[in-house]
Protein backbone atom coordinates (compact mmCIF):
# COMPACT_ATOMS: atom_id res chain seq x y z
CA MET A 1 4.82 4.37 49.21
CA LYS A 2 6.54 6.17 45.84
CA LYS A 3 9.97 4.31 46.09
CA GLU A 4 12.92 5.49 44.14
CA HIS A 5 15.27 3.38 41.91
CA GLY A 6 17.45 1.90 44.42
CA GLN A 7 15.27 2.11 47.45
CA VAL A 8 15.86 -0.93 49.14
CA THR A 9 14.68 -0.20 52.94
CA GLY A 10 12.87 3.48 54.87
CA ILE A 11 13.65 3.97 58.79
CA ILE A 12 10.60 4.41 60.99
CA TRP A 13 11.63 6.63 63.87
CA ARG A 14 8.72 6.25 66.51
CA GLY A 15 9.29 7.33 70.17
CA PRO A 16 11.66 9.81 71.80
CA ALA A 17 14.78 7.86 72.16
CA ASP A 18 13.87 7.41 68.06
CA LEU A 19 13.36 10.87 67.77
CA ALA A 20 16.39 12.43 69.23
CA ALA A 21 18.65 10.59 66.70
CA TYR A 22 16.79 11.56 64.34
CA GLN A 23 17.08 15.05 65.46
CA GLN A 24 20.73 14.75 65.61
CA LEU A 25 20.70 12.97 62.26
CA ARG A 26 19.10 15.68 60.74
CA ASP A 27 21.59 18.15 62.57
CA TYR A 28 24.77 16.24 61.04
CA ALA A 29 22.98 16.26 57.59
CA GLU A 30 22.52 20.02 58.22
CA GLN A 31 26.28 20.11 59.28
CA HIS A 32 27.64 18.73 56.43
CA HIS A 33 25.06 20.08 53.87
CA LEU A 34 23.47 16.40 52.93
CA THR A 35 19.94 15.28 52.97
CA VAL A 36 18.89 13.23 55.64
CA SER A 37 19.10 9.99 53.57
CA ALA A 38 22.63 10.73 52.65
CA ALA A 39 23.60 11.50 55.95
CA ALA A 40 22.09 8.53 57.10
CA LYS A 41 23.80 6.04 54.22
CA GLU A 42 26.94 7.81 54.66
CA LEU A 43 26.60 7.15 58.70
CA VAL A 44 26.00 3.52 58.08
CA ILE A 45 28.75 3.03 55.71
CA ARG A 46 30.93 4.04 57.66
CA ALA A 47 29.43 2.31 60.63
CA LEU A 48 29.83 -0.79 58.77
CA ASN A 49 33.51 -0.54 57.87
CA ASP A 50 34.53 0.87 61.53
CA ALA A 51 32.81 -2.81 62.81
CA LYS A 52 34.95 -4.75 59.99
CA SER A 53 38.28 -3.56 61.42
């Protein structure tokens, strides 16, 4: 697998629950005109910032 510069981790989607979550992520990305990767990054950063509060 070829990694991009700065790529640290990947997410492996397995099983029905993971695939349902991926579908939600893909839908979110589409609605916000983002790539799935950019949407995942945005949501992780937002969740981590909210967890600090």
